[in-house]
Amino acid sequence: MRLRRGWSLLEVVVVLALSSALLLVLSRTLAATMRASQHEMARGTSQGVLMTSMSTLERTIQRSSKPGITWQSGLLVIHPQPEGEVPKNPVWEAYWVTFLRQGTDLWMSQVVGAGTQKATLPEAPLLAQMQSAPASGARRLAGEVSQFDYQVSAGPIFTLTLELSVTPPGRLTPEKFRAVRQIFLHTH
């Protein structure tokens, strides 16, 4: 009887071919799983940015009233009241909070100079300056903004729309994330 000491060349080639085919299938499956995971992470990040930005906008708007809010081509200017309970005779902060859409970015900043006795809006030159560029110290709330709009309905209802248009990794077409909020404003 003859002892076998190793594999024949044909057996080695067959094992290598089968192993290669198995590795190819596994690598393609892993690559598809990684792409799907990256896509879902990008979606989650975009939705988080959208919700955080909307919450910031909503909180700031709720601290004002109709006379303390103005909108002009991508610039929302809010003259807020101090946080907390709204007093019978309201007082106002000494600054305006601005939300500026510039390109695809949404910026938030504070601009000092507002009166504290009543809701005031910036004069035309200051409003034009606010609209031209984010103020120093501005914070970028969101990128890839495709829509930033508001509408005031009859009565003190403010409708705010924010939409992001994000192209996930490995995709050619953008995916849109949109939030619309209706906010009840103070009447004084």
Protein backbone atom coordinates (compact mmCIF):
# COMPACT_ATOMS: atom_id res chain seq x y z
CA MET A 1 0.00 0.00 0.00
CA ARG A 2 1.24 3.41 -0.98
CA LEU A 3 1.12 6.32 1.51
CA ARG A 4 -0.23 9.63 0.30
CA ARG A 5 2.00 12.56 1.29
CA GLY A 6 0.15 15.64 -0.07
CA TRP A 7 -2.40 16.96 -2.42
CA SER A 8 -2.13 16.67 -6.13
CA LEU A 9 -1.81 19.78 -8.26
CA LEU A 10 -5.35 19.33 -9.54
CA GLU A 11 -6.77 19.21 -6.01
CA VAL A 12 -4.90 22.38 -5.05
CA VAL A 13 -6.22 24.21 -8.15
CA VAL A 14 -9.81 23.12 -7.40
CA VAL A 15 -9.56 24.25 -3.74
CA LEU A 16 -8.07 27.61 -4.81
CA ALA A 17 -10.82 28.16 -7.38
CA LEU A 18 -13.58 27.36 -4.88
CA SER A 19 -11.95 29.53 -2.20
CA SER A 20 -11.60 32.41 -4.67
CA ALA A 21 -15.25 32.15 -5.69
CA LEU A 22 -16.33 32.11 -2.05
CA LEU A 23 -14.15 35.13 -1.21
CA LEU A 24 -15.52 37.02 -4.21
CA VAL A 25 -19.12 36.45 -3.09
CA LEU A 26 -18.27 37.42 0.50
CA SER A 27 -16.40 40.58 -0.54
CA ARG A 28 -19.28 41.77 -2.74
CA THR A 29 -21.76 41.11 0.06
CA LEU A 30 -19.57 42.99 2.52
CA ALA A 31 -19.13 45.91 0.11
CA ALA A 32 -22.90 46.18 -0.42
CA THR A 33 -23.46 46.07 3.34
CA MET A 34 -20.86 48.81 3.88
CA ARG A 35 -22.48 51.03 1.23
CA ALA A 36 -25.91 50.55 2.80
CA SER A 37 -24.48 51.33 6.23
CA GLN A 38 -22.80 54.53 4.97
CA HIS A 39 -26.05 55.58 3.29
CA GLU A 40 -28.06 55.04 6.48
CA MET A 41 -25.47 56.90 8.57
CA ALA A 42 -25.61 59.85 6.14
CA ARG A 43 -29.42 59.81 6.27
CA GLY A 44 -29.38 59.74 10.07
CA THR A 45 -26.91 62.61 10.21
CA SER A 46 -28.98 64.68 7.76
CA GLN A 47 -32.19 64.04 9.68
CA GLY A 48 -30.44 64.95 12.93
CA VAL A 49 -29.16 68.23 11.48
CA LEU A 50 -32.62 69.01 10.10
CA MET A 51 -34.40 68.34 13.41
CA THR A 52 -31.80 70.23 15.47
CA SER A 53 -32.00 73.23 13.14
CA MET A 54 -35.80 73.22 13.20
CA SER A 55 -35.84 73.01 17.01
CA THR A 56 -33.46 75.97 17.26
CA LEU A 57 -35.58 77.99 14.84
CA GLU A 58 -38.79 77.04 16.63
CA ARG A 59 -37.47 77.92 20.11
CA THR A 60 -36.22 81.29 18.88
CA ILE A 61 -39.45 82.14 17.06
CA GLN A 62 -41.54 81.20 20.11
CA ARG A 63 -39.63 83.82 22.10
CA SER A 64 -40.97 86.62 19.90
CA SER A 65 -44.23 87.96 18.50
CA LYS A 66 -45.43 88.95 15.04
CA PRO A 67 -44.11 92.55 15.23
CA GLY A 68 -40.66 91.24 16.22
CA ILE A 69 -40.14 89.03 13.15
CA THR A 70 -39.21 89.98 9.62
CA TRP A 71 -38.28 87.97 6.53
CA GLN A 72 -36.39 89.16 3.48
CA SER A 73 -35.07 86.81 0.79
CA GLY A 74 -33.47 84.09 2.88
CA LEU A 75 -32.95 86.23 6.00
CA LEU A 76 -35.15 85.70 9.05
CA VAL A 77 -34.66 88.34 11.76
CA ILE A 78 -36.21 87.75 15.18
CA HIS A 79 -36.29 90.17 18.12
CA PRO A 80 -36.71 87.74 21.04
CA GLN A 81 -38.04 88.21 24.53
CA PRO A 82 -36.05 86.86 27.48
CA GLU A 83 -36.57 83.17 28.11
CA GLY A 84 -39.18 82.17 30.64
CA GLU A 85 -42.72 83.34 31.30
CA VAL A 86 -44.06 86.15 29.12
CA PRO A 87 -44.88 89.14 31.36
CA LYS A 88 -48.00 91.31 30.93
CA ASN A 89 -45.82 94.23 29.77
CA PRO A 90 -43.19 92.47 27.68
CA VAL A 91 -39.53 93.36 27.58
CA TRP A 92 -37.19 92.46 24.76
CA GLU A 93 -33.58 91.38 24.43
CA ALA A 94 -31.02 93.98 23.30
CA TYR A 95 -30.19 91.93 20.19
CA TRP A 96 -31.77 90.35 17.15
CA VAL A 97 -31.29 86.70 16.26
CA THR A 98 -30.72 86.20 12.56
CA PHE A 99 -31.05 83.10 10.42
CA LEU A 100 -29.43 83.61 7.02
CA ARG A 101 -29.45 81.20 4.11
CA GLN A 102 -26.34 81.91 2.10
CA GLY A 103 -25.76 79.51 -0.77
CA THR A 104 -26.55 76.11 0.68
CA ASP A 105 -25.69 77.01 4.29
CA LEU A 106 -28.00 78.22 7.05
CA TRP A 107 -26.29 80.54 9.56
CA MET A 108 -27.49 81.72 12.98
CA SER A 109 -26.11 84.80 14.72
CA GLN A 110 -26.90 87.54 17.21
CA VAL A 111 -26.71 91.18 16.21
CA VAL A 112 -26.65 93.69 19.07
CA GLY A 113 -28.52 96.96 18.81
CA ALA A 114 -32.21 96.23 19.32
CA GLY A 115 -34.32 98.25 21.74
CA THR A 116 -35.65 96.59 24.90
CA GLN A 117 -38.97 98.43 25.40
CA LYS A 118 -40.79 97.17 22.30
CA ALA A 119 -40.29 94.79 19.41
CA THR A 120 -38.09 96.52 16.85
CA LEU A 121 -36.76 95.54 13.48
CA PRO A 122 -33.42 96.59 12.00
CA GLU A 123 -33.22 99.71 9.82
CA ALA A 124 -32.81 99.12 6.06
CA PRO A 125 -28.98 99.58 5.94
CA LEU A 126 -28.44 97.15 8.82
CA LEU A 127 -30.94 94.73 7.30
CA ALA A 128 -29.03 94.86 4.00
CA GLN A 129 -25.76 94.22 5.86
CA MET A 130 -27.32 91.26 7.70
CA GLN A 131 -28.50 89.85 4.39
CA SER A 132 -25.12 90.12 2.66
CA ALA A 133 -23.06 87.87 4.95
CA PRO A 134 -23.26 86.02 8.26
CA ALA A 135 -22.40 88.23 11.25
CA SER A 136 -19.12 87.67 13.04
CA GLY A 137 -19.46 84.81 15.48
CA ALA A 138 -22.20 83.23 13.36
CA ARG A 139 -22.84 79.53 13.83
CA ARG A 140 -23.53 77.26 10.86
CA LEU A 141 -26.77 75.42 11.64
CA ALA A 142 -27.07 73.35 8.48
CA GLY A 143 -25.45 72.74 5.13
CA GLU A 144 -26.95 71.52 1.87
CA VAL A 145 -30.10 73.61 2.44
CA SER A 146 -32.33 73.55 -0.64
CA GLN A 147 -35.28 75.45 0.87
CA PHE A 148 -35.67 77.85 3.80
CA ASP A 149 -39.00 79.62 3.85
CA TYR A 150 -41.71 80.92 6.11
CA GLN A 151 -45.29 82.04 5.85
CA VAL A 152 -47.52 83.87 8.30
CA SER A 153 -51.13 82.72 8.17
CA ALA A 154 -54.17 84.70 9.25
CA GLY A 155 -53.74 85.08 12.97
CA PRO A 156 -50.53 84.41 14.84
CA ILE A 157 -49.54 81.17 13.11
CA PHE A 158 -46.10 81.01 11.59
CA THR A 159 -45.29 78.17 9.14
CA LEU A 160 -41.61 77.37 8.79
CA THR A 161 -40.16 75.10 6.09
CA LEU A 162 -36.60 73.78 6.00
CA GLU A 163 -35.39 71.28 3.41
CA LEU A 164 -31.99 69.68 2.96
CA SER A 165 -30.90 68.11 -0.31
CA VAL A 166 -28.13 65.62 0.44
CA THR A 167 -26.28 63.34 -1.98
CA PRO A 168 -25.34 60.23 0.03
CA PRO A 169 -21.99 58.52 -0.55
CA GLY A 170 -22.04 56.33 -3.64
CA ARG A 171 -25.23 57.89 -5.02
CA LEU A 172 -25.66 60.26 -7.94
CA THR A 173 -29.04 61.76 -7.10
CA PRO A 174 -29.71 63.85 -4.00
CA GLU A 175 -32.12 62.78 -1.32
CA LYS A 176 -34.42 65.44 0.17
CA PHE A 177 -35.19 65.78 3.87
CA ARG A 178 -37.97 68.24 4.69
CA ALA A 179 -39.50 69.54 7.89
CA VAL A 180 -42.50 71.85 8.16
CA ARG A 181 -43.58 73.32 11.49
CA GLN A 182 -46.50 75.51 12.43
CA ILE A 183 -45.66 77.76 15.36
CA PHE A 184 -48.12 79.80 17.40
CA LEU A 185 -46.78 83.32 18.05
CA HIS A 186 -47.43 85.62 20.99
CA THR A 187 -49.98 88.31 20.15
CA HIS A 188 -48.32 91.34 21.81
